[in-house]
Amino acid sequence: MELKDGRLLQIIRTQTGYMWESFSRDGGDTWTDAKPTTVEAPEAPSTITRIPGTGELLLVWNPNVAWGNPEKTVVGANHGGPRTPLAAAISRDEGRTWSPPKLIESDPNVTYAYTSITFHDGRALLTYYWFPLKTSDLSLKFKSIPLQWFRE
């Protein structure tokens, strides 16, 4: 993600329970040492993009980390936590802070990941995998969300 000051922001999935970040000032040739953010996340892919017209950053990710809690352990969650729910947050300060997460999907019996986002006509168009646990029914899901929903 290119930031307003020209740096590139890289978000990194880890097994630490937090999303990490690194920055580049030379177009991606070199990067700063990666450091944890304050965003809790299992080892799952996250997506970050800039909302057209506002400059806000939109983050879509799985915010549920097991932290060794057997009550949060889900069958098939071998990534430090289940890939459910699927949530979104907005940053108005180039990723330094984020709004509280809003749930896009919340069924604990389904995993969600690998989100792609594009924008059209005041809406965020998302595609992501939708995978009910205890099945082999992996599918691609499409969802169209008004941009105002992320700010409410």
C-alpha atoms as a PDB file:
ATOM      1  CA  MET A   1       0.000   0.000   0.000  1.00  0.00           C
ATOM      2  CA  GLU A   2       1.444   3.398  -0.940  1.00  0.00           C
ATOM      3  CA  LEU A   3       1.091   5.907   1.869  1.00  0.00           C
ATOM      4  CA  LYS A   4       0.541   9.633   1.376  1.00  0.00           C
ATOM      5  CA  ASP A   5       4.186  10.391   2.245  1.00  0.00           C
ATOM      6  CA  GLY A   6       5.375   8.089  -0.572  1.00  0.00           C
ATOM      7  CA  ARG A   7       6.424   5.155   1.593  1.00  0.00           C
ATOM      8  CA  LEU A   8       5.140   1.678   0.902  1.00  0.00           C
ATOM      9  CA  LEU A   9       3.405  -0.197   3.722  1.00  0.00           C
ATOM     10  CA  GLN A  10       3.585  -3.965   3.816  1.00  0.00           C
ATOM     11  CA  ILE A  11       1.329  -5.906   6.186  1.00  0.00           C
ATOM     12  CA  ILE A  12       2.560  -9.342   7.191  1.00  0.00           C
ATOM     13  CA  ARG A  13       0.738 -12.343   8.613  1.00  0.00           C
ATOM     14  CA  THR A  14       2.575 -14.032  11.466  1.00  0.00           C
ATOM     15  CA  GLN A  15       2.122 -16.669  14.131  1.00  0.00           C
ATOM     16  CA  THR A  16       2.533 -14.110  16.941  1.00  0.00           C
ATOM     17  CA  GLY A  17      -1.146 -13.165  17.296  1.00  0.00           C
ATOM     18  CA  TYR A  18      -0.554  -9.760  15.696  1.00  0.00           C
ATOM     19  CA  MET A  19      -0.311  -8.397  12.199  1.00  0.00           C
ATOM     20  CA  TRP A  20       3.179  -7.032  11.524  1.00  0.00           C
ATOM     21  CA  GLU A  21       4.252  -4.194   9.250  1.00  0.00           C
ATOM     22  CA  SER A  22       7.293  -3.011   7.354  1.00  0.00           C
ATOM     23  CA  PHE A  23       7.970   0.141   5.297  1.00  0.00           C
ATOM     24  CA  SER A  24       9.959   0.985   2.195  1.00  0.00           C
ATOM     25  CA  ARG A  25      11.146   4.438   1.095  1.00  0.00           C
ATOM     26  CA  ASP A  26      12.657   3.234  -2.202  1.00  0.00           C
ATOM     27  CA  GLY A  27       9.754   1.654  -4.036  1.00  0.00           C
ATOM     28  CA  GLY A  28      10.181  -1.755  -2.397  1.00  0.00           C
ATOM     29  CA  ASP A  29      13.891  -2.361  -3.002  1.00  0.00           C
ATOM     30  CA  THR A  30      14.608  -2.316   0.738  1.00  0.00           C
ATOM     31  CA  TRP A  31      12.351  -2.585   3.781  1.00  0.00           C
ATOM     32  CA  THR A  32      12.516  -1.648   7.443  1.00  0.00           C
ATOM     33  CA  ASP A  33      12.678  -4.423   9.993  1.00  0.00           C
ATOM     34  CA  ALA A  34       9.185  -5.839  10.473  1.00  0.00           C
ATOM     35  CA  LYS A  35       7.458  -4.900  13.733  1.00  0.00           C
ATOM     36  CA  PRO A  36       4.149  -5.883  15.305  1.00  0.00           C
ATOM     37  CA  THR A  37       1.140  -3.612  14.967  1.00  0.00           C
ATOM     38  CA  THR A  38      -1.630  -3.377  17.554  1.00  0.00           C
ATOM     39  CA  VAL A  39      -3.985  -5.330  15.260  1.00  0.00           C
ATOM     40  CA  GLU A  40      -4.663  -8.812  16.611  1.00  0.00           C
ATOM     41  CA  ALA A  41      -4.787 -11.463  13.904  1.00  0.00           C
ATOM     42  CA  PRO A  42      -4.146 -15.167  13.478  1.00  0.00           C
ATOM     43  CA  GLU A  43      -1.801 -16.376  10.767  1.00  0.00           C
ATOM     44  CA  ALA A  44      -4.237 -15.504   7.996  1.00  0.00           C
ATOM     45  CA  PRO A  45      -4.080 -13.255   4.954  1.00  0.00           C
ATOM     46  CA  SER A  46      -5.263  -9.677   5.400  1.00  0.00           C
ATOM     47  CA  THR A  47      -6.131  -7.111   2.751  1.00  0.00           C
ATOM     48  CA  ILE A  48      -5.498  -3.387   2.898  1.00  0.00           C
ATOM     49  CA  THR A  49      -6.539  -0.784   0.329  1.00  0.00           C
ATOM     50  CA  ARG A  50      -7.281   2.923   0.072  1.00  0.00           C
ATOM     51  CA  ILE A  51     -10.896   4.064  -0.222  1.00  0.00           C
ATOM     52  CA  PRO A  52     -11.225   6.355  -3.240  1.00  0.00           C
ATOM     53  CA  GLY A  53     -12.203   9.928  -2.557  1.00  0.00           C
ATOM     54  CA  THR A  54     -11.518   9.894   1.191  1.00  0.00           C
ATOM     55  CA  GLY A  55      -7.934   8.688   1.520  1.00  0.00           C
ATOM     56  CA  GLU A  56      -8.940   6.358   4.351  1.00  0.00           C
ATOM     57  CA  LEU A  57      -7.361   2.924   4.529  1.00  0.00           C
ATOM     58  CA  LEU A  58      -9.649  -0.096   4.644  1.00  0.00           C
ATOM     59  CA  LEU A  59      -8.408  -3.270   6.328  1.00  0.00           C
ATOM     60  CA  VAL A  60     -10.228  -6.601   5.975  1.00  0.00           C
ATOM     61  CA  TRP A  61      -8.955  -9.473   8.126  1.00  0.00           C
ATOM     62  CA  ASN A  62      -9.747 -12.199  10.644  1.00  0.00           C
ATOM     63  CA  PRO A  63      -9.516 -10.632  14.130  1.00  0.00           C
ATOM     64  CA  ASN A  64      -9.953 -13.770  16.240  1.00  0.00           C
ATOM     65  CA  VAL A  65      -6.798 -15.046  17.971  1.00  0.00           C
ATOM     66  CA  ALA A  66      -7.016 -18.189  20.117  1.00  0.00           C
ATOM     67  CA  TRP A  67      -4.299 -17.097  22.621  1.00  0.00           C
ATOM     68  CA  GLY A  68      -4.240 -20.638  24.029  1.00  0.00           C
ATOM     69  CA  ASN A  69      -7.900 -20.409  25.059  1.00  0.00           C
ATOM     70  CA  PRO A  70      -9.557 -23.793  24.427  1.00  0.00           C
ATOM     71  CA  GLU A  71     -12.976 -22.093  24.153  1.00  0.00           C
ATOM     72  CA  LYS A  72     -11.759 -20.230  21.041  1.00  0.00           C
ATOM     73  CA  THR A  73     -10.133 -23.272  19.506  1.00  0.00           C
ATOM     74  CA  VAL A  74     -12.018 -24.355  16.408  1.00  0.00           C
ATOM     75  CA  VAL A  75     -11.590 -27.541  14.434  1.00  0.00           C
ATOM     76  CA  GLY A  76      -9.320 -26.736  11.506  1.00  0.00           C
ATOM     77  CA  ALA A  77      -7.936 -23.556  13.114  1.00  0.00           C
ATOM     78  CA  ASN A  78      -4.241 -24.337  12.966  1.00  0.00           C
ATOM     79  CA  HIS A  79      -3.160 -20.758  12.319  1.00  0.00           C
ATOM     80  CA  GLY A  80      -3.257 -19.286  15.829  1.00  0.00           C
ATOM     81  CA  GLY A  81      -6.990 -18.836  15.607  1.00  0.00           C
ATOM     82  CA  PRO A  82      -9.880 -19.489  13.294  1.00  0.00           C
ATOM     83  CA  ARG A  83     -10.257 -17.604  10.034  1.00  0.00           C
ATOM     84  CA  THR A  84     -13.617 -16.399  11.276  1.00  0.00           C
ATOM     85  CA  PRO A  85     -15.119 -13.878  11.681  1.00  0.00           C
ATOM     86  CA  LEU A  86     -14.225 -11.669   8.726  1.00  0.00           C
ATOM     87  CA  ALA A  87     -14.001  -8.045   9.830  1.00  0.00           C
ATOM     88  CA  ALA A  88     -13.215  -4.585   8.488  1.00  0.00           C
ATOM     89  CA  ALA A  89     -11.727  -1.444  10.021  1.00  0.00           C
ATOM     90  CA  ILE A  90     -10.868   2.026   8.734  1.00  0.00           C
ATOM     91  CA  SER A  91      -7.784   4.116   9.426  1.00  0.00           C
ATOM     92  CA  ARG A  92      -7.827   7.863   8.957  1.00  0.00           C
ATOM     93  CA  ASP A  93      -4.147   8.267   9.939  1.00  0.00           C
ATOM     94  CA  GLU A  94      -2.321   6.059   7.409  1.00  0.00           C
ATOM     95  CA  GLY A  95      -2.626   2.875   9.457  1.00  0.00           C
ATOM     96  CA  ARG A  96      -1.376   4.117  12.823  1.00  0.00           C
ATOM     97  CA  THR A  97      -4.797   3.527  14.428  1.00  0.00           C
ATOM     98  CA  TRP A  98      -7.919   1.651  13.328  1.00  0.00           C
ATOM     99  CA  SER A  99     -11.630   1.952  14.006  1.00  0.00           C
ATOM    100  CA  PRO A 100     -13.264  -0.838  15.990  1.00  0.00           C
ATOM    101  CA  PRO A 101     -13.783  -3.886  13.760  1.00  0.00           C
ATOM    102  CA  LYS A 102     -17.115  -4.338  12.019  1.00  0.00           C
ATOM    103  CA  LEU A 103     -18.121  -7.886  11.158  1.00  0.00           C
ATOM    104  CA  ILE A 104     -18.626  -8.655   7.487  1.00  0.00           C
ATOM    105  CA  GLU A 105     -19.187 -12.364   8.189  1.00  0.00           C
ATOM    106  CA  SER A 106     -19.594 -13.962  11.601  1.00  0.00           C
ATOM    107  CA  ASP A 107     -20.712 -17.579  11.275  1.00  0.00           C
ATOM    108  CA  PRO A 108     -18.270 -19.507  13.514  1.00  0.00           C
ATOM    109  CA  ASN A 109     -18.816 -22.633  11.418  1.00  0.00           C
ATOM    110  CA  VAL A 110     -17.382 -21.034   8.261  1.00  0.00           C
ATOM    111  CA  THR A 111     -13.871 -19.787   7.523  1.00  0.00           C
ATOM    112  CA  TYR A 112     -13.227 -16.721   5.368  1.00  0.00           C
ATOM    113  CA  ALA A 113      -9.947 -15.537   3.826  1.00  0.00           C
ATOM    114  CA  TYR A 114      -8.049 -14.268   0.779  1.00  0.00           C
ATOM    115  CA  THR A 115     -10.174 -11.164   0.289  1.00  0.00           C
ATOM    116  CA  SER A 116      -9.976  -9.035  -2.848  1.00  0.00           C
ATOM    117  CA  ILE A 117     -11.482  -5.546  -2.850  1.00  0.00           C
ATOM    118  CA  THR A 118     -12.408  -3.101  -5.565  1.00  0.00           C
ATOM    119  CA  PHE A 119     -14.662  -0.066  -5.475  1.00  0.00           C
ATOM    120  CA  HIS A 120     -17.566   0.944  -7.678  1.00  0.00           C
ATOM    121  CA  ASP A 121     -20.333   3.496  -7.347  1.00  0.00           C
ATOM    122  CA  GLY A 122     -19.889   4.145  -3.610  1.00  0.00           C
ATOM    123  CA  ARG A 123     -19.570   0.468  -2.726  1.00  0.00           C
ATOM    124  CA  ALA A 124     -16.790  -1.911  -1.751  1.00  0.00           C
ATOM    125  CA  LEU A 125     -16.964  -5.071  -3.847  1.00  0.00           C
ATOM    126  CA  LEU A 126     -15.404  -7.993  -1.988  1.00  0.00           C
ATOM    127  CA  THR A 127     -14.651 -11.544  -2.999  1.00  0.00           C
ATOM    128  CA  TYR A 128     -13.245 -14.087  -0.561  1.00  0.00           C
ATOM    129  CA  TYR A 129     -13.196 -17.787   0.059  1.00  0.00           C
ATOM    130  CA  TRP A 130     -16.085 -19.216   2.010  1.00  0.00           C
ATOM    131  CA  PHE A 131     -15.345 -22.612   3.546  1.00  0.00           C
ATOM    132  CA  PRO A 132     -17.796 -24.307   5.951  1.00  0.00           C
ATOM    133  CA  LEU A 133     -15.930 -26.357   8.547  1.00  0.00           C
ATOM    134  CA  LYS A 134     -16.343 -30.140   8.438  1.00  0.00           C
ATOM    135  CA  THR A 135     -17.091 -30.036   4.684  1.00  0.00           C
ATOM    136  CA  SER A 136     -15.172 -29.886   1.447  1.00  0.00           C
ATOM    137  CA  ASP A 137     -17.432 -27.145   0.041  1.00  0.00           C
ATOM    138  CA  LEU A 138     -14.838 -24.436  -0.605  1.00  0.00           C
ATOM    139  CA  SER A 139     -16.505 -21.621  -2.566  1.00  0.00           C
ATOM    140  CA  LEU A 140     -15.864 -18.059  -3.643  1.00  0.00           C
ATOM    141  CA  LYS A 141     -18.257 -15.495  -2.189  1.00  0.00           C
ATOM    142  CA  PHE A 142     -19.084 -12.014  -3.491  1.00  0.00           C
ATOM    143  CA  LYS A 143     -20.386  -9.221  -1.284  1.00  0.00           C
ATOM    144  CA  SER A 144     -21.215  -5.601  -2.147  1.00  0.00           C
ATOM    145  CA  ILE A 145     -21.125  -3.214   0.828  1.00  0.00           C
ATOM    146  CA  PRO A 146     -21.971   0.520   0.799  1.00  0.00           C
ATOM    147  CA  LEU A 147     -18.887   2.518   1.834  1.00  0.00           C
ATOM    148  CA  GLN A 148     -20.947   4.342   4.469  1.00  0.00           C
ATOM    149  CA  TRP A 149     -21.423   1.031   6.327  1.00  0.00           C
ATOM    150  CA  PHE A 150     -17.717   0.930   7.224  1.00  0.00           C
ATOM    151  CA  ARG A 151     -17.989   4.368   8.887  1.00  0.00           C
ATOM    152  CA  GLU A 152     -21.186   3.800  10.880  1.00  0.00           C
END
